[in-house]
Amino acid sequence: MQALYPEKNIRLVDGPGICKAENVWTGFRAARGDILMILDADLTVMPEELPMFFRSLVQGHGGFVNGSRLVYPMPDLAMKFANMIGNKFFGLLFSFLLDQRIKDTLCGTKVLWRKDWLRMEPLLGSWGIKDLWGDYELLFGASKLHLEIVEAPVHYQERVHGVTKMTRVFANGLRMSRICWHAWLRLGG
């Protein structure tokens, strides 16, 4: 991308490679703009979907825009059945915990204001157990800051690059449940 668009200020920042969350936080800390966007590198969501997120945020439709893969039909191999069930379960759980409708907690496409990230950053790691993906940290952080979370539907497709790291579905589900338990206690359960 740097070679294709030399007139743009495109920087490559090496993350620690520990987990997705730590890589995202590294990118957020290095970013210079007022708006922060997450788009997974596997291209299960195409970059052409980002302008809708941008417009939603700048037009004030919400303070945190979360992607939802569970709206449009998706190809059969885009998401495993167990992951689909887990996503629906955690969507219901988050809707209860945050008292606002959340359909998809683990969509990697998210957009927020840098100023809100700076207020969320001190909350990292305070949800009882490390969030390896960062999605729960961001959603709970947005809720703690009383940001309105809005969802934007995305067209989810089979991955173009890489392989899924969400392979230990039940172990990861247990980890996510523990994060939710601590969030419930911390958010005033």
N, C-alpha and C. Protein backbone atom coordinates (compact mmCIF):
# COMPACT_ATOMS: atom_id res chain seq x y z
N MET A 1 0.82 -1.20 0.00
CA MET A 1 0.00 0.00 0.00
C MET A 1 0.87 1.26 0.00
N GLN A 2 2.00 1.18 0.68
CA GLN A 2 2.89 2.34 0.70
C GLN A 2 3.38 2.64 -0.71
N ALA A 3 3.72 1.61 -1.48
CA ALA A 3 4.21 1.80 -2.84
C ALA A 3 3.10 2.28 -3.77
N LEU A 4 1.89 1.79 -3.56
CA LEU A 4 0.76 2.20 -4.41
C LEU A 4 0.33 3.64 -4.16
N TYR A 5 0.49 4.12 -2.92
CA TYR A 5 0.04 5.46 -2.55
C TYR A 5 1.16 6.22 -1.86
N PRO A 6 2.23 6.56 -2.58
CA PRO A 6 3.37 7.23 -1.93
C PRO A 6 3.01 8.62 -1.38
N GLU A 7 1.95 9.23 -1.89
CA GLU A 7 1.56 10.56 -1.42
C GLU A 7 0.84 10.51 -0.07
N LYS A 8 0.42 9.32 0.36
CA LYS A 8 -0.27 9.15 1.65
C LYS A 8 0.75 8.85 2.74
N ASN A 9 0.41 9.21 3.94
CA ASN A 9 1.26 8.93 5.08
C ASN A 9 0.89 7.56 5.65
N ILE A 10 1.33 6.51 4.97
CA ILE A 10 1.05 5.13 5.40
C ILE A 10 2.29 4.60 6.10
N ARG A 11 2.12 4.22 7.36
CA ARG A 11 3.24 3.72 8.14
C ARG A 11 3.00 2.26 8.51
N LEU A 12 4.04 1.52 8.58
CA LEU A 12 4.00 0.13 9.04
C LEU A 12 4.59 0.11 10.44
N VAL A 13 3.79 -0.33 11.40
CA VAL A 13 4.22 -0.37 12.79
C VAL A 13 4.24 -1.83 13.23
N ASP A 14 5.39 -2.29 13.69
CA ASP A 14 5.49 -3.67 14.16
C ASP A 14 4.84 -3.79 15.53
N GLY A 15 3.91 -4.73 15.64
CA GLY A 15 3.31 -5.04 16.93
C GLY A 15 4.13 -6.09 17.64
N PRO A 16 3.83 -6.33 18.90
CA PRO A 16 4.61 -7.31 19.65
C PRO A 16 4.31 -8.76 19.24
N GLY A 17 3.23 -8.98 18.49
CA GLY A 17 2.92 -10.32 18.01
C GLY A 17 2.40 -11.26 19.08
N ILE A 18 2.15 -10.77 20.28
CA ILE A 18 1.71 -11.62 21.39
C ILE A 18 0.28 -12.10 21.16
N CYS A 19 -0.59 -11.18 20.82
CA CYS A 19 -1.99 -11.47 20.56
C CYS A 19 -2.57 -10.29 19.79
N LYS A 20 -3.76 -10.47 19.24
CA LYS A 20 -4.37 -9.41 18.44
C LYS A 20 -4.51 -8.13 19.26
N ALA A 21 -4.98 -8.24 20.50
CA ALA A 21 -5.21 -7.05 21.32
C ALA A 21 -3.95 -6.21 21.45
N GLU A 22 -2.83 -6.84 21.79
CA GLU A 22 -1.59 -6.08 21.97
C GLU A 22 -1.14 -5.42 20.67
N ASN A 23 -1.38 -6.08 19.55
CA ASN A 23 -1.03 -5.48 18.26
C ASN A 23 -1.92 -4.28 17.95
N VAL A 24 -3.21 -4.40 18.27
CA VAL A 24 -4.14 -3.28 18.05
C VAL A 24 -3.75 -2.11 18.94
N TRP A 25 -3.47 -2.37 20.21
CA TRP A 25 -3.09 -1.27 21.12
C TRP A 25 -1.83 -0.57 20.62
N THR A 26 -0.89 -1.34 20.09
CA THR A 26 0.34 -0.75 19.53
C THR A 26 -0.01 0.17 18.37
N GLY A 27 -0.90 -0.28 17.50
CA GLY A 27 -1.34 0.55 16.37
C GLY A 27 -2.07 1.80 16.84
N PHE A 28 -2.94 1.65 17.82
CA PHE A 28 -3.65 2.82 18.36
C PHE A 28 -2.68 3.84 18.93
N ARG A 29 -1.69 3.36 19.66
CA ARG A 29 -0.73 4.29 20.27
C ARG A 29 0.12 5.00 19.23
N ALA A 30 0.34 4.36 18.10
CA ALA A 30 1.16 4.96 17.04
C ALA A 30 0.34 5.85 16.10
N ALA A 31 -0.97 5.70 16.11
CA ALA A 31 -1.83 6.45 15.19
C ALA A 31 -1.79 7.94 15.50
N ARG A 32 -1.97 8.75 14.48
CA ARG A 32 -1.91 10.20 14.63
C ARG A 32 -3.25 10.91 14.42
N GLY A 33 -4.22 10.22 13.82
CA GLY A 33 -5.49 10.87 13.49
C GLY A 33 -6.47 10.90 14.66
N ASP A 34 -7.59 11.57 14.44
CA ASP A 34 -8.62 11.70 15.46
C ASP A 34 -9.53 10.48 15.54
N ILE A 35 -9.54 9.66 14.49
CA ILE A 35 -10.42 8.49 14.43
C ILE A 35 -9.55 7.24 14.29
N LEU A 36 -9.86 6.24 15.11
CA LEU A 36 -9.14 4.97 15.08
C LEU A 36 -10.05 3.90 14.49
N MET A 37 -9.51 3.09 13.57
CA MET A 37 -10.29 2.04 12.91
C MET A 37 -9.53 0.72 13.02
N ILE A 38 -10.29 -0.35 13.21
CA ILE A 38 -9.72 -1.69 13.19
C ILE A 38 -10.34 -2.44 12.02
N LEU A 39 -9.49 -3.02 11.20
CA LEU A 39 -9.91 -3.88 10.10
C LEU A 39 -8.98 -5.08 10.11
N ASP A 40 -9.52 -6.27 10.29
CA ASP A 40 -8.68 -7.46 10.36
C ASP A 40 -7.97 -7.71 9.04
N ALA A 41 -6.71 -8.12 9.14
CA ALA A 41 -5.86 -8.32 7.97
C ALA A 41 -6.26 -9.52 7.12
N ASP A 42 -7.13 -10.39 7.65
CA ASP A 42 -7.53 -11.56 6.86
C ASP A 42 -8.54 -11.20 5.76
N LEU A 43 -9.00 -9.96 5.77
CA LEU A 43 -9.94 -9.43 4.78
C LEU A 43 -11.26 -10.20 4.73
N THR A 44 -11.72 -10.68 5.89
CA THR A 44 -13.06 -11.26 5.96
C THR A 44 -14.09 -10.14 5.85
N VAL A 45 -13.68 -8.93 6.15
CA VAL A 45 -14.46 -7.72 5.89
C VAL A 45 -13.59 -6.85 5.00
N MET A 46 -14.14 -6.39 3.91
CA MET A 46 -13.36 -5.62 2.94
C MET A 46 -13.22 -4.16 3.40
N PRO A 47 -12.11 -3.53 3.08
CA PRO A 47 -11.88 -2.13 3.47
C PRO A 47 -12.94 -1.17 2.94
N GLU A 48 -13.60 -1.53 1.87
CA GLU A 48 -14.64 -0.67 1.29
C GLU A 48 -15.83 -0.46 2.25
N GLU A 49 -15.90 -1.26 3.30
CA GLU A 49 -16.98 -1.12 4.29
C GLU A 49 -16.68 0.00 5.30
N LEU A 50 -15.40 0.41 5.42
CA LEU A 50 -15.02 1.38 6.45
C LEU A 50 -15.66 2.76 6.31
N PRO A 51 -15.90 3.29 5.10
CA PRO A 51 -16.54 4.62 5.04
C PRO A 51 -17.89 4.69 5.76
N MET A 52 -18.64 3.59 5.76
CA MET A 52 -19.92 3.58 6.47
C MET A 52 -19.68 3.76 7.98
N PHE A 53 -18.65 3.13 8.51
CA PHE A 53 -18.31 3.27 9.93
C PHE A 53 -17.88 4.71 10.22
N PHE A 54 -17.05 5.26 9.34
CA PHE A 54 -16.57 6.63 9.48
C PHE A 54 -17.75 7.60 9.53
N ARG A 55 -18.65 7.48 8.56
CA ARG A 55 -19.82 8.38 8.51
C ARG A 55 -20.68 8.25 9.76
N SER A 56 -20.88 7.03 10.21
CA SER A 56 -21.69 6.81 11.40
C SER A 56 -21.10 7.52 12.61
N LEU A 57 -19.79 7.44 12.75
CA LEU A 57 -19.13 8.08 13.89
C LEU A 57 -19.17 9.61 13.78
N VAL A 58 -18.76 10.16 12.63
CA VAL A 58 -18.67 11.62 12.51
C VAL A 58 -20.04 12.29 12.45
N GLN A 59 -21.06 11.56 12.03
CA GLN A 59 -22.41 12.13 12.02
C GLN A 59 -23.11 11.99 13.37
N GLY A 60 -22.39 11.43 14.35
CA GLY A 60 -22.91 11.37 15.70
C GLY A 60 -23.95 10.30 15.96
N HIS A 61 -23.97 9.25 15.14
CA HIS A 61 -24.95 8.19 15.36
C HIS A 61 -24.59 7.35 16.59
N GLY A 62 -23.36 7.44 17.04
CA GLY A 62 -22.90 6.74 18.23
C GLY A 62 -21.48 7.15 18.54
N GLY A 63 -21.02 6.80 19.73
CA GLY A 63 -19.65 7.14 20.12
C GLY A 63 -18.67 6.02 19.87
N PHE A 64 -19.20 4.84 19.53
CA PHE A 64 -18.37 3.67 19.27
C PHE A 64 -19.13 2.83 18.24
N VAL A 65 -18.51 2.57 17.10
CA VAL A 65 -19.17 1.82 16.04
C VAL A 65 -18.57 0.41 15.98
N ASN A 66 -19.42 -0.57 16.19
CA ASN A 66 -19.01 -1.97 16.26
C ASN A 66 -19.60 -2.71 15.06
N GLY A 67 -18.78 -3.45 14.35
CA GLY A 67 -19.27 -4.21 13.22
C GLY A 67 -20.11 -5.39 13.66
N SER A 68 -21.05 -5.78 12.80
CA SER A 68 -21.86 -6.97 13.05
C SER A 68 -21.85 -7.84 11.81
N ARG A 69 -21.32 -9.05 11.97
CA ARG A 69 -21.25 -10.00 10.87
C ARG A 69 -22.52 -10.83 10.77
N LEU A 70 -23.42 -10.68 11.72
CA LEU A 70 -24.56 -11.58 11.83
C LEU A 70 -25.85 -10.98 11.27
N VAL A 71 -25.74 -10.12 10.28
CA VAL A 71 -26.91 -9.50 9.67
C VAL A 71 -27.13 -10.04 8.26
N TYR A 72 -26.12 -9.90 7.43
CA TYR A 72 -26.23 -10.36 6.04
C TYR A 72 -25.90 -11.85 5.94
N PRO A 73 -26.44 -12.53 4.95
CA PRO A 73 -26.04 -13.93 4.74
C PRO A 73 -24.53 -14.00 4.48
N MET A 74 -23.91 -15.08 4.94
CA MET A 74 -22.47 -15.24 4.72
C MET A 74 -22.19 -16.59 4.07
N PRO A 75 -21.08 -16.68 3.36
CA PRO A 75 -20.71 -17.97 2.75
C PRO A 75 -20.58 -19.06 3.83
N ASP A 76 -20.85 -20.29 3.44
CA ASP A 76 -20.85 -21.42 4.39
C ASP A 76 -19.55 -21.56 5.16
N LEU A 77 -18.42 -21.30 4.54
CA LEU A 77 -17.13 -21.51 5.20
C LEU A 77 -16.59 -20.26 5.90
N ALA A 78 -17.35 -19.18 5.92
CA ALA A 78 -16.86 -17.95 6.52
C ALA A 78 -16.72 -18.07 8.05
N MET A 79 -17.67 -18.76 8.69
CA MET A 79 -17.63 -18.90 10.14
C MET A 79 -18.08 -20.31 10.52
N LYS A 80 -17.31 -20.94 11.39
CA LYS A 80 -17.67 -22.28 11.86
C LYS A 80 -18.95 -22.22 12.69
N PHE A 81 -19.68 -23.33 12.69
CA PHE A 81 -20.96 -23.40 13.39
C PHE A 81 -20.81 -23.08 14.88
N ALA A 82 -19.79 -23.66 15.53
CA ALA A 82 -19.59 -23.42 16.97
C ALA A 82 -19.30 -21.94 17.23
N ASN A 83 -18.54 -21.31 16.35
CA ASN A 83 -18.26 -19.88 16.50
C ASN A 83 -19.53 -19.05 16.34
N MET A 84 -20.40 -19.47 15.40
CA MET A 84 -21.67 -18.76 15.19
C MET A 84 -22.53 -18.83 16.45
N ILE A 85 -22.64 -20.02 17.03
CA ILE A 85 -23.43 -20.19 18.26
C ILE A 85 -22.83 -19.35 19.39
N GLY A 86 -21.50 -19.40 19.53
CA GLY A 86 -20.84 -18.61 20.56
C GLY A 86 -21.06 -17.12 20.38
N ASN A 87 -20.97 -16.65 19.14
CA ASN A 87 -21.20 -15.23 18.87
C ASN A 87 -22.62 -14.81 19.25
N LYS A 88 -23.58 -15.63 18.92
CA LYS A 88 -24.98 -15.31 19.26
C LYS A 88 -25.18 -15.31 20.77
N PHE A 89 -24.58 -16.30 21.46
CA PHE A 89 -24.69 -16.35 22.92
C PHE A 89 -24.09 -15.10 23.56
N PHE A 90 -22.87 -14.75 23.16
CA PHE A 90 -22.22 -13.59 23.77
C PHE A 90 -22.91 -12.29 23.37
N GLY A 91 -23.52 -12.24 22.21
CA GLY A 91 -24.31 -11.07 21.85
C GLY A 91 -25.46 -10.87 22.82
N LEU A 92 -26.16 -11.95 23.16
CA LEU A 92 -27.25 -11.87 24.14
C LEU A 92 -26.72 -11.47 25.52
N LEU A 93 -25.60 -12.06 25.91
CA LEU A 93 -25.01 -11.75 27.21
C LEU A 93 -24.59 -10.29 27.30
N PHE A 94 -23.94 -9.79 26.26
CA PHE A 94 -23.53 -8.38 26.24
C PHE A 94 -24.73 -7.45 26.25
N SER A 95 -25.77 -7.81 25.51
CA SER A 95 -26.99 -6.98 25.50
C SER A 95 -27.53 -6.84 26.92
N PHE A 96 -27.48 -7.92 27.69
CA PHE A 96 -27.92 -7.88 29.08
C PHE A 96 -26.95 -7.05 29.93
N LEU A 97 -25.65 -7.33 29.81
CA LEU A 97 -24.65 -6.66 30.64
C LEU A 97 -24.59 -5.15 30.40
N LEU A 98 -24.71 -4.75 29.14
CA LEU A 98 -24.54 -3.34 28.78
C LEU A 98 -25.86 -2.59 28.66
N ASP A 99 -26.95 -3.32 28.78
CA ASP A 99 -28.29 -2.73 28.68
C ASP A 99 -28.48 -1.97 27.36
N GLN A 100 -27.90 -2.52 26.32
CA GLN A 100 -28.13 -2.03 24.96
C GLN A 100 -27.86 -3.19 24.00
N ARG A 101 -28.52 -3.19 22.87
CA ARG A 101 -28.46 -4.33 21.97
C ARG A 101 -27.08 -4.44 21.33
N ILE A 102 -26.46 -5.60 21.52
CA ILE A 102 -25.18 -5.94 20.88
C ILE A 102 -25.40 -7.27 20.20
N LYS A 103 -25.21 -7.30 18.90
CA LYS A 103 -25.46 -8.52 18.14
C LYS A 103 -24.19 -9.35 17.97
N ASP A 104 -23.04 -8.69 17.81
CA ASP A 104 -21.80 -9.39 17.50
C ASP A 104 -20.67 -8.77 18.30
N THR A 105 -20.13 -9.52 19.26
CA THR A 105 -19.09 -8.98 20.13
C THR A 105 -17.69 -9.13 19.57
N LEU A 106 -17.49 -10.05 18.63
CA LEU A 106 -16.13 -10.35 18.16
C LEU A 106 -15.84 -9.94 16.73
N CYS A 107 -16.70 -9.14 16.12
CA CYS A 107 -16.37 -8.64 14.79
C CYS A 107 -15.14 -7.75 14.92
N GLY A 108 -14.16 -7.97 14.08
CA GLY A 108 -12.91 -7.22 14.18
C GLY A 108 -12.98 -5.80 13.65
N THR A 109 -14.08 -5.41 13.06
CA THR A 109 -14.21 -4.06 12.49
C THR A 109 -14.85 -3.15 13.53
N LYS A 110 -14.07 -2.16 13.97
CA LYS A 110 -14.54 -1.23 15.00
C LYS A 110 -13.95 0.15 14.71
N VAL A 111 -14.71 1.19 15.07
CA VAL A 111 -14.25 2.57 14.85
C VAL A 111 -14.63 3.41 16.09
N LEU A 112 -13.67 4.22 16.53
CA LEU A 112 -13.91 5.07 17.69
C LEU A 112 -13.04 6.32 17.60
N TRP A 113 -13.37 7.29 18.42
CA TRP A 113 -12.57 8.52 18.49
C TRP A 113 -11.31 8.24 19.30
N ARG A 114 -10.21 8.84 18.88
CA ARG A 114 -8.95 8.71 19.61
C ARG A 114 -9.10 9.21 21.04
N LYS A 115 -9.80 10.32 21.24
CA LYS A 115 -9.97 10.88 22.58
C LYS A 115 -10.65 9.89 23.52
N ASP A 116 -11.57 9.07 22.98
CA ASP A 116 -12.22 8.06 23.81
C ASP A 116 -11.28 6.89 24.09
N TRP A 117 -10.46 6.53 23.10
CA TRP A 117 -9.45 5.49 23.33
C TRP A 117 -8.52 5.90 24.47
N LEU A 118 -8.10 7.16 24.48
CA LEU A 118 -7.19 7.63 25.52
C LEU A 118 -7.83 7.51 26.91
N ARG A 119 -9.16 7.64 26.97
CA ARG A 119 -9.87 7.45 28.25
C ARG A 119 -10.06 5.97 28.58
N MET A 120 -10.13 5.11 27.54
CA MET A 120 -10.29 3.67 27.74
C MET A 120 -8.97 2.98 28.11
N GLU A 121 -7.89 3.50 27.59
CA GLU A 121 -6.60 2.83 27.75
C GLU A 121 -6.27 2.50 29.21
N PRO A 122 -6.52 3.40 30.17
CA PRO A 122 -6.21 3.05 31.57
C PRO A 122 -7.05 1.88 32.10
N LEU A 123 -8.15 1.56 31.43
CA LEU A 123 -9.01 0.44 31.86
C LEU A 123 -8.52 -0.91 31.36
N LEU A 124 -7.56 -0.92 30.43
CA LEU A 124 -7.08 -2.18 29.86
C LEU A 124 -6.60 -3.12 30.96
N GLY A 125 -6.99 -4.37 30.85
CA GLY A 125 -6.55 -5.37 31.81
C GLY A 125 -7.31 -5.37 33.12
N SER A 126 -8.39 -4.58 33.20
CA SER A 126 -9.12 -4.48 34.47
C SER A 126 -10.38 -5.33 34.48
N TRP A 127 -10.52 -6.21 33.51
CA TRP A 127 -11.75 -7.01 33.41
C TRP A 127 -11.52 -8.44 33.88
N GLY A 128 -10.55 -8.67 34.76
CA GLY A 128 -10.39 -9.94 35.42
C GLY A 128 -9.43 -10.92 34.78
N ILE A 129 -9.39 -10.96 33.46
CA ILE A 129 -8.53 -11.90 32.75
C ILE A 129 -8.17 -11.24 31.42
N LYS A 130 -7.01 -11.53 30.90
CA LYS A 130 -6.54 -10.89 29.67
C LYS A 130 -7.47 -11.20 28.50
N ASP A 131 -7.88 -10.16 27.80
CA ASP A 131 -8.68 -10.28 26.58
C ASP A 131 -7.69 -10.35 25.42
N LEU A 132 -7.52 -11.54 24.87
CA LEU A 132 -6.52 -11.74 23.81
C LEU A 132 -6.86 -11.04 22.51
N TRP A 133 -8.13 -10.75 22.28
CA TRP A 133 -8.55 -10.14 21.02
C TRP A 133 -8.81 -8.65 21.15
N GLY A 134 -9.13 -8.18 22.34
CA GLY A 134 -9.35 -6.76 22.57
C GLY A 134 -10.78 -6.29 22.36
N ASP A 135 -11.60 -7.12 21.74
CA ASP A 135 -12.98 -6.71 21.45
C ASP A 135 -13.77 -6.43 22.73
N TYR A 136 -13.61 -7.30 23.72
CA TYR A 136 -14.36 -7.12 24.96
C TYR A 136 -13.84 -5.91 25.74
N GLU A 137 -12.51 -5.74 25.73
CA GLU A 137 -11.92 -4.56 26.37
C GLU A 137 -12.54 -3.27 25.81
N LEU A 138 -12.66 -3.23 24.49
CA LEU A 138 -13.20 -2.03 23.85
C LEU A 138 -14.69 -1.85 24.13
N LEU A 139 -15.46 -2.91 24.03
CA LEU A 139 -16.90 -2.80 24.27
C LEU A 139 -17.19 -2.44 25.73
N PHE A 140 -16.53 -3.11 26.67
CA PHE A 140 -16.75 -2.78 28.08
C PHE A 140 -16.21 -1.39 28.41
N GLY A 141 -15.08 -1.03 27.79
CA GLY A 141 -14.54 0.32 28.00
C GLY A 141 -15.49 1.38 27.49
N ALA A 142 -16.07 1.16 26.31
CA ALA A 142 -17.04 2.12 25.76
C ALA A 142 -18.25 2.24 26.68
N SER A 143 -18.71 1.12 27.20
CA SER A 143 -19.85 1.16 28.12
C SER A 143 -19.50 1.88 29.41
N LYS A 144 -18.33 1.60 29.95
CA LYS A 144 -17.89 2.26 31.19
C LYS A 144 -17.82 3.78 31.02
N LEU A 145 -17.47 4.22 29.79
CA LEU A 145 -17.39 5.65 29.50
C LEU A 145 -18.73 6.23 29.07
N HIS A 146 -19.77 5.40 29.09
CA HIS A 146 -21.13 5.81 28.71
C HIS A 146 -21.22 6.26 27.26
N LEU A 147 -20.43 5.62 26.39
CA LEU A 147 -20.53 5.89 24.97
C LEU A 147 -21.68 5.06 24.40
N GLU A 148 -22.40 5.64 23.48
CA GLU A 148 -23.44 4.85 22.81
C GLU A 148 -22.76 3.95 21.78
N ILE A 149 -22.98 2.67 21.94
CA ILE A 149 -22.42 1.69 21.00
C ILE A 149 -23.45 1.43 19.93
N VAL A 150 -23.08 1.67 18.68
CA VAL A 150 -23.96 1.37 17.56
C VAL A 150 -23.30 0.29 16.72
N GLU A 151 -24.12 -0.52 16.10
CA GLU A 151 -23.58 -1.58 15.26
C GLU A 151 -23.82 -1.25 13.80
N ALA A 152 -22.84 -1.58 13.00
CA ALA A 152 -22.92 -1.41 11.55
C ALA A 152 -22.77 -2.79 10.92
N PRO A 153 -23.72 -3.19 10.11
CA PRO A 153 -23.61 -4.52 9.49
C PRO A 153 -22.48 -4.55 8.46
N VAL A 154 -21.78 -5.68 8.42
CA VAL A 154 -20.72 -5.87 7.45
C VAL A 154 -21.01 -7.14 6.65
N HIS A 155 -20.48 -7.17 5.45
CA HIS A 155 -20.55 -8.37 4.62
C HIS A 155 -19.35 -9.23 4.97
N TYR A 156 -19.60 -10.31 5.68
CA TYR A 156 -18.53 -11.19 6.14
C TYR A 156 -18.32 -12.29 5.11
N GLN A 157 -17.06 -12.55 4.79
CA GLN A 157 -16.75 -13.54 3.76
C GLN A 157 -15.64 -14.47 4.24
N GLU A 158 -15.38 -15.49 3.45
CA GLU A 158 -14.27 -16.39 3.77
C GLU A 158 -12.98 -15.57 3.76
N ARG A 159 -12.09 -15.93 4.64
CA ARG A 159 -10.84 -15.17 4.77
C ARG A 159 -10.02 -15.24 3.48
N VAL A 160 -9.40 -14.12 3.15
CA VAL A 160 -8.55 -14.02 1.98
C VAL A 160 -7.11 -14.40 2.36
N HIS A 161 -6.69 -14.03 3.57
CA HIS A 161 -5.32 -14.28 4.03
C HIS A 161 -5.35 -14.98 5.38
N GLY A 162 -4.35 -15.81 5.63
CA GLY A 162 -4.13 -16.40 6.95
C GLY A 162 -5.12 -17.49 7.33
N VAL A 163 -5.00 -17.91 8.58
CA VAL A 163 -5.89 -18.93 9.15
C VAL A 163 -6.45 -18.40 10.47
N THR A 164 -7.61 -18.90 10.86
CA THR A 164 -8.23 -18.42 12.09
C THR A 164 -7.40 -18.79 13.31
N LYS A 165 -7.38 -17.89 14.25
CA LYS A 165 -6.71 -18.16 15.52
C LYS A 165 -7.72 -18.49 16.60
N MET A 166 -8.99 -18.44 16.24
CA MET A 166 -10.07 -18.76 17.17
C MET A 166 -10.38 -20.26 17.01
N THR A 167 -9.44 -21.09 17.45
CA THR A 167 -9.56 -22.53 17.23
C THR A 167 -10.02 -23.28 18.48
N ARG A 168 -9.65 -22.86 19.64
CA ARG A 168 -10.04 -23.53 20.88
C ARG A 168 -11.34 -22.92 21.36
N VAL A 169 -12.42 -23.27 20.68
CA VAL A 169 -13.70 -22.60 20.87
C VAL A 169 -14.17 -22.66 22.32
N PHE A 170 -14.14 -23.83 22.94
CA PHE A 170 -14.66 -23.95 24.30
C PHE A 170 -13.75 -23.28 25.32
N ALA A 171 -12.44 -23.44 25.17
CA ALA A 171 -11.50 -22.77 26.08
C ALA A 171 -11.62 -21.25 25.94
N ASN A 172 -11.72 -20.79 24.71
CA ASN A 172 -11.87 -19.34 24.49
C ASN A 172 -13.22 -18.86 25.01
N GLY A 173 -14.26 -19.67 24.85
CA GLY A 173 -15.57 -19.32 25.38
C GLY A 173 -15.54 -19.17 26.90
N LEU A 174 -14.80 -20.06 27.56
CA LEU A 174 -14.66 -19.97 29.01
C LEU A 174 -13.91 -18.70 29.39
N ARG A 175 -12.83 -18.39 28.67
CA ARG A 175 -12.07 -17.16 28.91
C ARG A 175 -12.98 -15.94 28.76
N MET A 176 -13.78 -15.92 27.69
CA MET A 176 -14.67 -14.79 27.45
C MET A 176 -15.75 -14.69 28.53
N SER A 177 -16.22 -15.84 29.00
CA SER A 177 -17.22 -15.84 30.08
C SER A 177 -16.64 -15.24 31.35
N ARG A 178 -15.39 -15.56 31.64
CA ARG A 178 -14.74 -15.00 32.83
C ARG A 178 -14.60 -13.48 32.72
N ILE A 179 -14.27 -13.00 31.52
CA ILE A 179 -14.18 -11.55 31.31
C ILE A 179 -15.56 -10.92 31.56
N CYS A 180 -16.60 -11.56 31.05
CA CYS A 180 -17.97 -11.04 31.23
C CYS A 180 -18.36 -11.02 32.70
N TRP A 181 -17.99 -12.06 33.45
CA TRP A 181 -18.30 -12.11 34.88
C TRP A 181 -17.65 -10.93 35.60
N HIS A 182 -16.38 -10.70 35.33
CA HIS A 182 -15.68 -9.58 35.98
C HIS A 182 -16.26 -8.24 35.54
N ALA A 183 -16.65 -8.15 34.28
CA ALA A 183 -17.26 -6.90 33.79
C ALA A 183 -18.58 -6.65 34.49
N TRP A 184 -19.36 -7.70 34.70
CA TRP A 184 -20.65 -7.56 35.38
C TRP A 184 -20.43 -7.01 36.78
N LEU A 185 -19.44 -7.55 37.47
CA LEU A 185 -19.12 -7.06 38.82
C LEU A 185 -18.63 -5.61 38.77
N ARG A 186 -17.80 -5.30 37.79
CA ARG A 186 -17.20 -3.96 37.70
C ARG A 186 -18.17 -2.90 37.20
N LEU A 187 -19.07 -3.29 36.31
CA LEU A 187 -20.03 -2.32 35.75
C LEU A 187 -21.24 -2.11 36.65
N GLY A 188 -21.25 -2.81 37.76
CA GLY A 188 -22.31 -2.53 38.73
C GLY A 188 -23.38 -3.60 38.79
N GLY A 189 -23.06 -4.86 38.35
CA GLY A 189 -23.99 -5.98 38.36
C GLY A 189 -24.88 -6.04 39.52
